[in-house]
C-alpha atoms as a PDB file:
ATOM      1  CA  UNK A   1      16.461  -8.575  15.326  1.00  0.00           C
ATOM      2  CA  UNK A   2      13.795 -10.568  14.791  1.00  0.00           C
ATOM      3  CA  UNK A   3      13.579 -14.343  15.499  1.00  0.00           C
ATOM      4  CA  UNK A   4      11.601 -17.131  14.461  1.00  0.00           C
ATOM      5  CA  UNK A   5      10.683 -16.952  18.818  1.00  0.00           C
ATOM      6  CA  UNK A   6       9.841 -13.584  18.828  1.00  0.00           C
ATOM      7  CA  UNK A   7       8.615 -13.417  15.263  1.00  0.00           C
ATOM      8  CA  UNK A   8       4.835 -11.847  15.773  1.00  0.00           C
ATOM      9  CA  UNK A   9       2.461 -15.150  15.483  1.00  0.00           C
ATOM     10  CA  UNK A  10       1.146 -15.334  11.508  1.00  0.00           C
ATOM     11  CA  UNK A  11      -2.567 -14.406  12.321  1.00  0.00           C
ATOM     12  CA  UNK A  12      -0.938 -11.211  13.991  1.00  0.00           C
ATOM     13  CA  UNK A  13       1.533 -10.326  11.017  1.00  0.00           C
ATOM     14  CA  UNK A  14      -1.570 -10.534   8.510  1.00  0.00           C
ATOM     15  CA  UNK A  15      -2.977  -8.377  11.038  1.00  0.00           C
ATOM     16  CA  UNK A  16      -0.306  -5.644  10.914  1.00  0.00           C
ATOM     17  CA  UNK A  17      -0.169  -6.396   6.923  1.00  0.00           C
ATOM     18  CA  UNK A  18      -3.971  -5.751   6.058  1.00  0.00           C
ATOM     19  CA  UNK A  19      -3.591  -1.946   8.250  1.00  0.00           C
ATOM     20  CA  UNK A  20      -0.732  -1.734   5.621  1.00  0.00           C
ATOM     21  CA  UNK A  21      -2.339   1.458   4.311  1.00  0.00           C
ATOM     22  CA  UNK A  22      -2.243   2.968   7.681  1.00  0.00           C
ATOM     23  CA  UNK A  23       1.713   2.779   7.676  1.00  0.00           C
ATOM     24  CA  UNK A  24       1.834   4.399   4.620  1.00  0.00           C
ATOM     25  CA  UNK A  25      -0.888   7.264   5.310  1.00  0.00           C
ATOM     26  CA  UNK A  26       1.445   7.962   8.500  1.00  0.00           C
ATOM     27  CA  UNK A  27       4.611   7.649   6.510  1.00  0.00           C
ATOM     28  CA  UNK A  28       2.826  10.580   3.830  1.00  0.00           C
ATOM     29  CA  UNK A  29       1.469  13.015   7.026  1.00  0.00           C
ATOM     30  CA  UNK A  30       4.765  12.834   8.421  1.00  0.00           C
ATOM     31  CA  UNK A  31       6.430  13.694   5.326  1.00  0.00           C
ATOM     32  CA  UNK A  32       3.961  16.477   4.344  1.00  0.00           C
ATOM     33  CA  UNK A  33       4.341  18.005   7.742  1.00  0.00           C
ATOM     34  CA  UNK A  34       7.417  17.819   8.062  1.00  0.00           C
ATOM     35  CA  UNK A  35       8.032  16.303  11.184  1.00  0.00           C
ATOM     36  CA  UNK A  36      11.639  14.754  10.693  1.00  0.00           C
ATOM     37  CA  UNK A  37      12.674  18.321   8.980  1.00  0.00           C
ATOM     38  CA  UNK A  38      11.254  19.684  12.617  1.00  0.00           C
ATOM     39  CA  UNK A  39      13.496  17.380  14.771  1.00  0.00           C
ATOM     40  CA  UNK A  40      16.884  17.761  15.253  1.00  0.00           C
ATOM     41  CA  UNK A  41      19.604  16.006  16.830  1.00  0.00           C
ATOM     42  CA  UNK A  42      18.819  15.940  20.097  1.00  0.00           C
ATOM     43  CA  UNK A  43      15.032  14.397  22.039  1.00  0.00           C
ATOM     44  CA  UNK A  44      12.213  16.771  21.578  1.00  0.00           C
ATOM     45  CA  UNK A  45       8.876  16.817  23.119  1.00  0.00           C
ATOM     46  CA  UNK A  46       5.894  15.867  21.335  1.00  0.00           C
ATOM     47  CA  UNK A  47       4.795  19.707  22.851  1.00  0.00           C
ATOM     48  CA  UNK A  48       7.569  21.640  21.323  1.00  0.00           C
ATOM     49  CA  UNK A  49       6.989  19.229  17.516  1.00  0.00           C
ATOM     50  CA  UNK A  50       4.237  20.193  17.653  1.00  0.00           C
ATOM     51  CA  UNK A  51       4.729  24.074  17.677  1.00  0.00           C
ATOM     52  CA  UNK A  52       6.942  23.396  15.448  1.00  0.00           C
ATOM     53  CA  UNK A  53       5.265  21.984  12.591  1.00  0.00           C
ATOM     54  CA  UNK A  54       1.382  23.456  14.107  1.00  0.00           C
ATOM     55  CA  UNK A  55      -0.669  20.450  14.922  1.00  0.00           C
ATOM     56  CA  UNK A  56      -2.410  19.510  17.983  1.00  0.00           C
ATOM     57  CA  UNK A  57      -0.426  17.791  20.404  1.00  0.00           C
ATOM     58  CA  UNK A  58      -2.095  14.594  20.854  1.00  0.00           C
ATOM     59  CA  UNK A  59      -2.814  13.681  17.618  1.00  0.00           C
ATOM     60  CA  UNK A  60       0.835  14.197  16.759  1.00  0.00           C
ATOM     61  CA  UNK A  61       1.833  12.031  19.704  1.00  0.00           C
ATOM     62  CA  UNK A  62      -0.111   9.478  18.019  1.00  0.00           C
ATOM     63  CA  UNK A  63       1.121   9.656  14.738  1.00  0.00           C
ATOM     64  CA  UNK A  64       4.874   9.731  16.296  1.00  0.00           C
ATOM     65  CA  UNK A  65       3.880   6.302  18.140  1.00  0.00           C
ATOM     66  CA  UNK A  66       2.539   4.289  15.143  1.00  0.00           C
ATOM     67  CA  UNK A  67       5.609   5.228  13.138  1.00  0.00           C
ATOM     68  CA  UNK A  68       8.346   4.336  16.079  1.00  0.00           C
ATOM     69  CA  UNK A  69       6.759   0.946  15.347  1.00  0.00           C
ATOM     70  CA  UNK A  70       8.291   0.570  12.338  1.00  0.00           C
ATOM     71  CA  UNK A  71      11.242   2.262  13.611  1.00  0.00           C
ATOM     72  CA  UNK A  72      10.632   5.286  11.918  1.00  0.00           C
ATOM     73  CA  UNK A  73      11.139   7.565  15.103  1.00  0.00           C
ATOM     74  CA  UNK A  74      11.920   5.967  18.237  1.00  0.00           C
ATOM     75  CA  UNK A  75      10.352   7.353  22.052  1.00  0.00           C
ATOM     76  CA  UNK A  76      12.320   7.295  24.806  1.00  0.00           C
ATOM     77  CA  UNK A  77      10.956   7.104  28.517  1.00  0.00           C
ATOM     78  CA  UNK A  78      10.672  10.597  29.503  1.00  0.00           C
ATOM     79  CA  UNK A  79       8.117  10.777  26.316  1.00  0.00           C
ATOM     80  CA  UNK A  80      10.380  12.474  23.701  1.00  0.00           C
ATOM     81  CA  UNK A  81      11.298  11.252  20.669  1.00  0.00           C
ATOM     82  CA  UNK A  82      14.292  11.107  18.572  1.00  0.00           C
ATOM     83  CA  UNK A  83      15.508  10.432  15.211  1.00  0.00           C
ATOM     84  CA  UNK A  84      16.569   6.616  13.888  1.00  0.00           C
ATOM     85  CA  UNK A  85      18.348   6.137  10.515  1.00  0.00           C
ATOM     86  CA  UNK A  86      15.162   5.736   8.761  1.00  0.00           C
ATOM     87  CA  UNK A  87      13.348   8.818  10.245  1.00  0.00           C
ATOM     88  CA  UNK A  88      16.359  10.786   8.962  1.00  0.00           C
ATOM     89  CA  UNK A  89      15.636   9.921   5.248  1.00  0.00           C
ATOM     90  CA  UNK A  90      12.255  11.976   5.517  1.00  0.00           C
ATOM     91  CA  UNK A  91      14.531  15.320   6.005  1.00  0.00           C
ATOM     92  CA  UNK A  92      14.293  16.854   2.772  1.00  0.00           C
ATOM     93  CA  UNK A  93      18.340  17.816   3.391  1.00  0.00           C
ATOM     94  CA  UNK A  94      19.651  14.130   3.746  1.00  0.00           C
ATOM     95  CA  UNK A  95      22.056  13.097   0.954  1.00  0.00           C
ATOM     96  CA  UNK A  96      19.902  10.126   1.078  1.00  0.00           C
ATOM     97  CA  UNK A  97      16.521  11.891   1.194  1.00  0.00           C
ATOM     98  CA  UNK A  98      13.015   9.728   0.109  1.00  0.00           C
ATOM     99  CA  UNK A  99      11.168  12.033   1.537  1.00  0.00           C
ATOM    100  CA  UNK A 100      10.235  12.684  -2.082  1.00  0.00           C
ATOM    101  CA  UNK A 101       9.812   8.909  -2.866  1.00  0.00           C
ATOM    102  CA  UNK A 102       7.390   8.759   0.086  1.00  0.00           C
ATOM    103  CA  UNK A 103       5.466  11.430  -0.878  1.00  0.00           C
ATOM    104  CA  UNK A 104       5.217   9.930  -4.895  1.00  0.00           C
ATOM    105  CA  UNK A 105       4.580   6.391  -3.493  1.00  0.00           C
ATOM    106  CA  UNK A 106       1.529   7.742  -1.417  1.00  0.00           C
ATOM    107  CA  UNK A 107       0.049  10.749  -3.762  1.00  0.00           C
ATOM    108  CA  UNK A 108      -4.215  10.924  -4.114  1.00  0.00           C
ATOM    109  CA  UNK A 109      -3.991   8.775  -7.794  1.00  0.00           C
ATOM    110  CA  UNK A 110      -2.331   5.702  -5.731  1.00  0.00           C
ATOM    111  CA  UNK A 111      -5.196   5.695  -3.180  1.00  0.00           C
ATOM    112  CA  UNK A 112      -7.600   5.691  -6.061  1.00  0.00           C
ATOM    113  CA  UNK A 113      -5.498   3.048  -8.032  1.00  0.00           C
ATOM    114  CA  UNK A 114      -4.443   0.270  -5.391  1.00  0.00           C
ATOM    115  CA  UNK A 115      -8.337  -1.312  -4.520  1.00  0.00           C
ATOM    116  CA  UNK A 116      -8.756  -1.768  -8.201  1.00  0.00           C
ATOM    117  CA  UNK A 117      -5.820  -4.341  -8.533  1.00  0.00           C
ATOM    118  CA  UNK A 118      -8.010  -6.976  -8.335  1.00  0.00           C
ATOM    119  CA  UNK A 119      -8.803  -5.166 -11.844  1.00  0.00           C
ATOM    120  CA  UNK A 120      -5.387  -5.034 -13.337  1.00  0.00           C
ATOM    121  CA  UNK A 121      -4.678  -8.685 -12.860  1.00  0.00           C
ATOM    122  CA  UNK A 122      -7.417 -10.433 -14.347  1.00  0.00           C
ATOM    123  CA  UNK A 123      -6.758  -7.747 -17.742  1.00  0.00           C
ATOM    124  CA  UNK A 124      -3.581  -7.228 -17.444  1.00  0.00           C
ATOM    125  CA  UNK A 125      -3.836  -3.808 -17.815  1.00  0.00           C
ATOM    126  CA  UNK A 126      -3.534  -0.368 -15.952  1.00  0.00           C
ATOM    127  CA  UNK A 127      -6.620   0.969 -14.337  1.00  0.00           C
ATOM    128  CA  UNK A 128      -5.908   4.772 -15.113  1.00  0.00           C
ATOM    129  CA  UNK A 129      -7.128   4.898 -18.410  1.00  0.00           C
ATOM    130  CA  UNK A 130     -10.122   4.069 -16.821  1.00  0.00           C
ATOM    131  CA  UNK A 131      -9.984   5.857 -13.640  1.00  0.00           C
ATOM    132  CA  UNK A 132      -9.025   9.533 -15.153  1.00  0.00           C
ATOM    133  CA  UNK A 133     -10.391   8.649 -19.167  1.00  0.00           C
ATOM    134  CA  UNK A 134      -6.522   9.044 -19.652  1.00  0.00           C
ATOM    135  CA  UNK A 135      -3.163   7.888 -20.005  1.00  0.00           C
ATOM    136  CA  UNK A 136      -0.962   8.163 -16.903  1.00  0.00           C
ATOM    137  CA  UNK A 137       1.350  10.842 -17.704  1.00  0.00           C
ATOM    138  CA  UNK A 138      -1.110  13.038 -19.538  1.00  0.00           C
ATOM    139  CA  UNK A 139      -2.922  12.644 -16.050  1.00  0.00           C
ATOM    140  CA  UNK A 140      -0.414  13.968 -14.595  1.00  0.00           C
ATOM    141  CA  UNK A 141       1.028  16.566 -16.289  1.00  0.00           C
ATOM    142  CA  UNK A 142      -3.042  18.138 -17.201  1.00  0.00           C
ATOM    143  CA  UNK A 143      -5.004  17.017 -13.960  1.00  0.00           C
ATOM    144  CA  UNK A 144      -2.550  16.471 -11.417  1.00  0.00           C
ATOM    145  CA  UNK A 145       0.116  19.050 -11.694  1.00  0.00           C
ATOM    146  CA  UNK A 146       1.114  18.693  -7.652  1.00  0.00           C
ATOM    147  CA  UNK A 147       1.681  15.129  -8.180  1.00  0.00           C
ATOM    148  CA  UNK A 148       3.733  15.657 -11.485  1.00  0.00           C
ATOM    149  CA  UNK A 149       6.082  18.059  -9.623  1.00  0.00           C
ATOM    150  CA  UNK A 150       6.534  15.473  -6.622  1.00  0.00           C
ATOM    151  CA  UNK A 151       7.082  12.879  -9.759  1.00  0.00           C
ATOM    152  CA  UNK A 152       9.611  14.716 -10.972  1.00  0.00           C
ATOM    153  CA  UNK A 153      11.424  15.376  -7.337  1.00  0.00           C
ATOM    154  CA  UNK A 154      11.456  12.379  -6.393  1.00  0.00           C
ATOM    155  CA  UNK A 155      13.093  10.879  -9.786  1.00  0.00           C
ATOM    156  CA  UNK A 156      15.438  13.445  -9.703  1.00  0.00           C
ATOM    157  CA  UNK A 157      16.873  12.659  -6.091  1.00  0.00           C
ATOM    158  CA  UNK A 158      16.511   8.496  -6.933  1.00  0.00           C
ATOM    159  CA  UNK A 159      18.480   9.110 -10.219  1.00  0.00           C
ATOM    160  CA  UNK A 160      21.339  11.229  -8.165  1.00  0.00           C
ATOM    161  CA  UNK A 161      21.495   9.091  -5.401  1.00  0.00           C
ATOM    162  CA  UNK A 162      21.719   5.755  -8.243  1.00  0.00           C
ATOM    163  CA  UNK A 163      24.139   7.897 -10.527  1.00  0.00           C
ATOM    164  CA  UNK A 164      26.907   7.883  -7.955  1.00  0.00           C
ATOM    165  CA  UNK A 165      26.543   3.573  -7.592  1.00  0.00           C
ATOM    166  CA  UNK A 166      25.853   3.210 -11.597  1.00  0.00           C
ATOM    167  CA  UNK A 167      29.881   5.683 -12.119  1.00  0.00           C
ATOM    168  CA  UNK A 168      31.569   3.690  -9.140  1.00  0.00           C
ATOM    169  CA  UNK A 169      30.841   0.433 -10.943  1.00  0.00           C
ATOM    170  CA  UNK A 170      31.211   0.889 -14.671  1.00  0.00           C
ATOM    171  CA  UNK A 171      34.653   1.180 -15.885  1.00  0.00           C
ATOM    172  CA  UNK A 172      34.819   3.464 -18.872  1.00  0.00           C
ATOM    173  CA  UNK A 173      38.612   3.660 -18.957  1.00  0.00           C
ATOM    174  CA  UNK A 174      38.935   2.689 -22.503  1.00  0.00           C
ATOM    175  CA  UNK A 175      35.814   4.458 -23.402  1.00  0.00           C
ATOM    176  CA  UNK A 176      35.831   7.941 -25.783  1.00  0.00           C
ATOM    177  CA  UNK A 177      31.959   8.575 -25.493  1.00  0.00           C
ATOM    178  CA  UNK A 178      29.019   7.916 -23.511  1.00  0.00           C
ATOM    179  CA  UNK A 179      25.160   7.829 -24.025  1.00  0.00           C
ATOM    180  CA  UNK A 180      22.409   7.851 -22.107  1.00  0.00           C
ATOM    181  CA  UNK A 181      19.241   6.936 -23.088  1.00  0.00           C
ATOM    182  CA  UNK A 182      16.615   8.232 -21.556  1.00  0.00           C
ATOM    183  CA  UNK A 183      18.534   9.588 -18.854  1.00  0.00           C
ATOM    184  CA  UNK A 184      16.300  11.992 -17.248  1.00  0.00           C
ATOM    185  CA  UNK A 185      17.674  14.858 -16.251  1.00  0.00           C
ATOM    186  CA  UNK A 186      21.276  12.944 -17.086  1.00  0.00           C
ATOM    187  CA  UNK A 187      22.781  12.048 -13.780  1.00  0.00           C
ATOM    188  CA  UNK A 188      23.826   9.066 -14.213  1.00  0.00           C
ATOM    189  CA  UNK A 189      26.166  10.905 -17.340  1.00  0.00           C
ATOM    190  CA  UNK A 190      27.160  13.662 -15.446  1.00  0.00           C
ATOM    191  CA  UNK A 191      29.187  11.471 -12.511  1.00  0.00           C
ATOM    192  CA  UNK A 192      30.622   9.225 -15.532  1.00  0.00           C
ATOM    193  CA  UNK A 193      32.019  12.818 -16.812  1.00  0.00           C
ATOM    194  CA  UNK A 194      33.374  13.684 -13.687  1.00  0.00           C
ATOM    195  CA  UNK A 195      34.784  10.281 -13.102  1.00  0.00           C
ATOM    196  CA  UNK A 196      36.583  10.404 -16.983  1.00  0.00           C
ATOM    197  CA  UNK A 197      38.008  13.676 -17.410  1.00  0.00           C
ATOM    198  CA  UNK A 198      38.426  13.399 -20.936  1.00  0.00           C
ATOM    199  CA  UNK A 199      34.983  11.035 -21.601  1.00  0.00           C
ATOM    200  CA  UNK A 200      32.445  12.549 -24.226  1.00  0.00           C
ATOM    201  CA  UNK A 201      28.281  12.535 -23.327  1.00  0.00           C
ATOM    202  CA  UNK A 202      25.085  13.359 -24.879  1.00  0.00           C
ATOM    203  CA  UNK A 203      21.805  12.904 -22.867  1.00  0.00           C
ATOM    204  CA  UNK A 204      18.452  11.943 -25.033  1.00  0.00           C
ATOM    205  CA  UNK A 205      15.247  12.116 -23.110  1.00  0.00           C
ATOM    206  CA  UNK A 206      11.802  13.853 -24.306  1.00  0.00           C
ATOM    207  CA  UNK A 207      11.664  17.421 -25.060  1.00  0.00           C
ATOM    208  CA  UNK A 208      10.671  18.581 -21.632  1.00  0.00           C
ATOM    209  CA  UNK A 209      12.674  16.181 -19.800  1.00  0.00           C
ATOM    210  CA  UNK A 210      16.050  17.372 -21.005  1.00  0.00           C
ATOM    211  CA  UNK A 211      15.180  21.214 -20.843  1.00  0.00           C
ATOM    212  CA  UNK A 212      15.267  20.797 -16.868  1.00  0.00           C
ATOM    213  CA  UNK A 213      18.343  18.762 -17.453  1.00  0.00           C
ATOM    214  CA  UNK A 214      21.468  19.000 -14.640  1.00  0.00           C
ATOM    215  CA  UNK A 215      22.833  21.959 -14.494  1.00  0.00           C
ATOM    216  CA  UNK A 216      25.860  20.755 -14.799  1.00  0.00           C
ATOM    217  CA  UNK A 217      25.665  19.804 -18.530  1.00  0.00           C
ATOM    218  CA  UNK A 218      23.726  23.047 -19.511  1.00  0.00           C
ATOM    219  CA  UNK A 219      25.406  25.843 -21.263  1.00  0.00           C
ATOM    220  CA  UNK A 220      28.062  27.493 -18.657  1.00  0.00           C
ATOM    221  CA  UNK A 221      27.818  24.134 -16.496  1.00  0.00           C
ATOM    222  CA  UNK A 222      31.097  22.598 -15.528  1.00  0.00           C
ATOM    223  CA  UNK A 223      30.453  19.552 -18.310  1.00  0.00           C
ATOM    224  CA  UNK A 224      29.184  21.651 -20.837  1.00  0.00           C
ATOM    225  CA  UNK A 225      31.945  21.550 -23.296  1.00  0.00           C
ATOM    226  CA  UNK A 226      31.683  17.753 -22.849  1.00  0.00           C
ATOM    227  CA  UNK A 227      28.195  17.460 -23.247  1.00  0.00           C
ATOM    228  CA  UNK A 228      25.644  16.777 -26.160  1.00  0.00           C
ATOM    229  CA  UNK A 229      22.054  17.181 -25.106  1.00  0.00           C
ATOM    230  CA  UNK A 230      19.314  15.751 -27.782  1.00  0.00           C
ATOM    231  CA  UNK A 231      16.019  15.699 -27.228  1.00  0.00           C
ATOM    232  CA  UNK A 232      14.215  12.756 -28.813  1.00  0.00           C
ATOM    233  CA  UNK A 233      12.135   9.769 -27.911  1.00  0.00           C
ATOM    234  CA  UNK A 234      14.254   6.278 -27.963  1.00  0.00           C
ATOM    235  CA  UNK A 235      11.227   4.404 -28.819  1.00  0.00           C
ATOM    236  CA  UNK A 236      11.301   6.130 -32.232  1.00  0.00           C
ATOM    237  CA  UNK A 237      15.086   6.741 -32.881  1.00  0.00           C
ATOM    238  CA  UNK A 238      18.525   7.190 -30.827  1.00  0.00           C
ATOM    239  CA  UNK A 239      20.331   9.776 -33.628  1.00  0.00           C
ATOM    240  CA  UNK A 240      23.656   9.272 -31.418  1.00  0.00           C
ATOM    241  CA  UNK A 241      26.871   7.588 -31.856  1.00  0.00           C
ATOM    242  CA  UNK A 242      28.711   6.983 -28.663  1.00  0.00           C
ATOM    243  CA  UNK A 243      31.534   3.789 -27.644  1.00  0.00           C
ATOM    244  CA  UNK A 244      28.514   2.771 -24.964  1.00  0.00           C
ATOM    245  CA  UNK A 245      24.969   3.399 -24.057  1.00  0.00           C
ATOM    246  CA  UNK A 246      23.118   3.285 -20.667  1.00  0.00           C
ATOM    247  CA  UNK A 247      19.736   2.813 -20.554  1.00  0.00           C
ATOM    248  CA  UNK A 248      18.391   3.062 -16.873  1.00  0.00           C
ATOM    249  CA  UNK A 249      14.873   1.818 -15.705  1.00  0.00           C
ATOM    250  CA  UNK A 250      13.053   2.650 -18.764  1.00  0.00           C
ATOM    251  CA  UNK A 251      12.586  -0.758 -20.418  1.00  0.00           C
ATOM    252  CA  UNK A 252       9.057  -1.512 -18.346  1.00  0.00           C
ATOM    253  CA  UNK A 253       6.608  -0.800 -21.189  1.00  0.00           C
ATOM    254  CA  UNK A 254       5.426  -3.465 -23.196  1.00  0.00           C
ATOM    255  CA  UNK A 255       7.598  -6.006 -24.932  1.00  0.00           C
ATOM    256  CA  UNK A 256       7.088  -4.643 -28.071  1.00  0.00           C
ATOM    257  CA  UNK A 257       8.360  -0.504 -27.109  1.00  0.00           C
ATOM    258  CA  UNK A 258      11.137  -2.515 -25.245  1.00  0.00           C
ATOM    259  CA  UNK A 259      12.095  -4.519 -28.027  1.00  0.00           C
ATOM    260  CA  UNK A 260      12.147  -0.990 -30.111  1.00  0.00           C
ATOM    261  CA  UNK A 261      14.089   0.455 -27.782  1.00  0.00           C
ATOM    262  CA  UNK A 262      16.998  -2.273 -28.034  1.00  0.00           C
ATOM    263  CA  UNK A 263      16.638  -2.132 -31.631  1.00  0.00           C
ATOM    264  CA  UNK A 264      17.324   1.391 -31.982  1.00  0.00           C
ATOM    265  CA  UNK A 265      20.572   1.405 -29.302  1.00  0.00           C
ATOM    266  CA  UNK A 266      22.067  -1.637 -31.605  1.00  0.00           C
ATOM    267  CA  UNK A 267      21.617   0.774 -34.976  1.00  0.00           C
ATOM    268  CA  UNK A 268      22.827   3.303 -33.469  1.00  0.00           C
ATOM    269  CA  UNK A 269      25.631   2.251 -31.864  1.00  0.00           C
ATOM    270  CA  UNK A 270      26.503  -0.474 -34.057  1.00  0.00           C
ATOM    271  CA  UNK A 271      28.748  -3.610 -34.044  1.00  0.00           C
ATOM    272  CA  UNK A 272      31.015  -3.758 -30.936  1.00  0.00           C
ATOM    273  CA  UNK A 273      29.250  -0.590 -28.807  1.00  0.00           C
ATOM    274  CA  UNK A 274      28.740  -1.987 -25.191  1.00  0.00           C
ATOM    275  CA  UNK A 275      24.878  -1.514 -23.991  1.00  0.00           C
ATOM    276  CA  UNK A 276      24.502  -1.656 -20.334  1.00  0.00           C
ATOM    277  CA  UNK A 277      21.076  -1.549 -18.957  1.00  0.00           C
ATOM    278  CA  UNK A 278      20.126  -1.199 -15.937  1.00  0.00           C
ATOM    279  CA  UNK A 279      17.216  -2.175 -13.914  1.00  0.00           C
ATOM    280  CA  UNK A 280      15.389  -3.162 -10.462  1.00  0.00           C
ATOM    281  CA  UNK A 281      14.532  -6.723 -10.476  1.00  0.00           C
ATOM    282  CA  UNK A 282      12.001  -8.432  -9.021  1.00  0.00           C
ATOM    283  CA  UNK A 283      14.146 -11.523  -7.820  1.00  0.00           C
ATOM    284  CA  UNK A 284      17.165  -9.732  -6.857  1.00  0.00           C
ATOM    285  CA  UNK A 285      16.738  -9.859  -2.983  1.00  0.00           C
ATOM    286  CA  UNK A 286      17.085  -8.117  -0.423  1.00  0.00           C
ATOM    287  CA  UNK A 287      14.917  -5.952  -2.209  1.00  0.00           C
ATOM    288  CA  UNK A 288      12.269  -8.004  -3.087  1.00  0.00           C
ATOM    289  CA  UNK A 289       9.276  -6.192  -0.886  1.00  0.00           C
ATOM    290  CA  UNK A 290      10.469  -3.007  -2.844  1.00  0.00           C
ATOM    291  CA  UNK A 291      10.609  -4.001  -5.822  1.00  0.00           C
ATOM    292  CA  UNK A 292       7.742  -6.181  -6.405  1.00  0.00           C
ATOM    293  CA  UNK A 293       5.340  -3.178  -5.366  1.00  0.00           C
ATOM    294  CA  UNK A 294       6.736  -1.095  -7.680  1.00  0.00           C
ATOM    295  CA  UNK A 295       5.507  -4.023 -10.266  1.00  0.00           C
ATOM    296  CA  UNK A 296       2.362  -3.936  -8.914  1.00  0.00           C
ATOM    297  CA  UNK A 297       2.448   0.146  -9.122  1.00  0.00           C
ATOM    298  CA  UNK A 298       3.647  -0.002 -12.326  1.00  0.00           C
ATOM    299  CA  UNK A 299       0.507  -2.699 -13.297  1.00  0.00           C
ATOM    300  CA  UNK A 300      -1.923  -0.436 -12.404  1.00  0.00           C
ATOM    301  CA  UNK A 301      -0.654   3.259 -13.488  1.00  0.00           C
ATOM    302  CA  UNK A 302       0.722   2.453 -16.735  1.00  0.00           C
ATOM    303  CA  UNK A 303       0.605  -1.260 -17.690  1.00  0.00           C
ATOM    304  CA  UNK A 304       3.809  -1.844 -16.963  1.00  0.00           C
ATOM    305  CA  UNK A 305       6.201  -4.675 -15.430  1.00  0.00           C
ATOM    306  CA  UNK A 306       9.523  -4.998 -13.859  1.00  0.00           C
ATOM    307  CA  UNK A 307      11.435  -7.786 -14.959  1.00  0.00           C
ATOM    308  CA  UNK A 308      13.177 -11.169 -13.372  1.00  0.00           C
ATOM    309  CA  UNK A 309      16.513 -11.881 -15.001  1.00  0.00           C
ATOM    310  CA  UNK A 310      15.435 -14.592 -16.515  1.00  0.00           C
ATOM    311  CA  UNK A 311      12.794 -12.234 -18.056  1.00  0.00           C
ATOM    312  CA  UNK A 312      15.477  -9.360 -18.882  1.00  0.00           C
ATOM    313  CA  UNK A 313      18.072 -11.761 -20.180  1.00  0.00           C
ATOM    314  CA  UNK A 314      15.189 -13.095 -22.324  1.00  0.00           C
ATOM    315  CA  UNK A 315      14.645  -9.614 -23.863  1.00  0.00           C
ATOM    316  CA  UNK A 316      18.248  -8.811 -24.371  1.00  0.00           C
ATOM    317  CA  UNK A 317      19.339 -11.928 -26.331  1.00  0.00           C
ATOM    318  CA  UNK A 318      15.964 -12.066 -28.289  1.00  0.00           C
ATOM    319  CA  UNK A 319      17.038  -8.222 -29.518  1.00  0.00           C
ATOM    320  CA  UNK A 320      20.270  -9.615 -30.318  1.00  0.00           C
ATOM    321  CA  UNK A 321      22.498  -8.412 -27.885  1.00  0.00           C
ATOM    322  CA  UNK A 322      25.272 -10.402 -26.302  1.00  0.00           C
ATOM    323  CA  UNK A 323      25.574 -10.670 -22.380  1.00  0.00           C
ATOM    324  CA  UNK A 324      28.437 -10.405 -21.356  1.00  0.00           C
ATOM    325  CA  UNK A 325      28.531  -9.662 -17.233  1.00  0.00           C
ATOM    326  CA  UNK A 326      25.228  -9.125 -14.895  1.00  0.00           C
ATOM    327  CA  UNK A 327      26.304  -7.305 -12.096  1.00  0.00           C
ATOM    328  CA  UNK A 328      24.295  -5.943  -8.807  1.00  0.00           C
ATOM    329  CA  UNK A 329      24.891  -2.141  -8.820  1.00  0.00           C
ATOM    330  CA  UNK A 330      23.261  -1.862  -5.017  1.00  0.00           C
ATOM    331  CA  UNK A 331      20.904  -3.435  -3.290  1.00  0.00           C
ATOM    332  CA  UNK A 332      18.199  -2.625  -5.484  1.00  0.00           C
ATOM    333  CA  UNK A 333      19.332  -2.304  -8.868  1.00  0.00           C
ATOM    334  CA  UNK A 334      21.528  -4.762 -11.065  1.00  0.00           C
ATOM    335  CA  UNK A 335      23.784  -4.201 -14.387  1.00  0.00           C
ATOM    336  CA  UNK A 336      23.080  -6.232 -17.476  1.00  0.00           C
ATOM    337  CA  UNK A 337      26.788  -5.334 -19.385  1.00  0.00           C
ATOM    338  CA  UNK A 338      25.614  -6.206 -23.114  1.00  0.00           C
ATOM    339  CA  UNK A 339      27.799  -5.868 -26.818  1.00  0.00           C
ATOM    340  CA  UNK A 340      26.460  -5.379 -30.221  1.00  0.00           C
ATOM    341  CA  UNK A 341      27.653  -8.699 -31.503  1.00  0.00           C
ATOM    342  CA  UNK A 342      29.766  -8.131 -35.460  1.00  0.00           C
END
């Protein structure tokens, strides 16, 4: 563990930080080459790893050495390399895999956008429109289909992992129905239906999103008889009545879009409806480095922002919701449990 006595001097730490792009690039290369997948439970030589992932031995050793400085892989005294807890997360088959998150956060567009952060800070606007002449998701789907695929896989794995935490946290024992608003492929509502065998669920998201909903929710799936899938845009309207509404990681647009979504939820649910808003916060230690980085990336690509606890409370109460409780879901998510007042 790093202590005050062993921590690098400020000048050395700043030198390390300004080379942060090298670390991100090394993680991307490691993920794209499949090094973590090739390395098994036993130590492997660089020669064997290079043969497995089809690289030159010398450059691969340099990559592994750089990664081991950050705790991603460990070099043994005999020159072999082994897994660490972090390197296993780069394996595609790990239950907590972060492989696609790693790829998403280092996609080619990010290397175009990060150098323009000063411009985004000056103007408060995204830079993607000027870079590519299109809004971010239009650009992804029309001009960068491989990045769009990476995004979808990253969001799927991230949502599936956090859905288990959400289901464990929420007590819906007194509710008959739950609606997952802007819920992507529906991992949260699926986890809640599995936890509560009599609960009925609805998933609402854009048509191109819900057409790829979790197989458990689609016709013939294990939960389909208790499930309704509704294509739509929650910023426009929410034609869904439920006891509980879950809104996870979608209130990151401009203030007007956020306010419109909350008004639509309140109108759909009516007095007494429960609204659970789940968000990453930029003041939710211990994930500050992670959440503030996501906040800056949101500024660059869509002009959005992550919330502080105070700003989230302001948005919710400003919309007219009553906040009953605020609780951590896991180290990087918080739940705001609210009620639509009479």
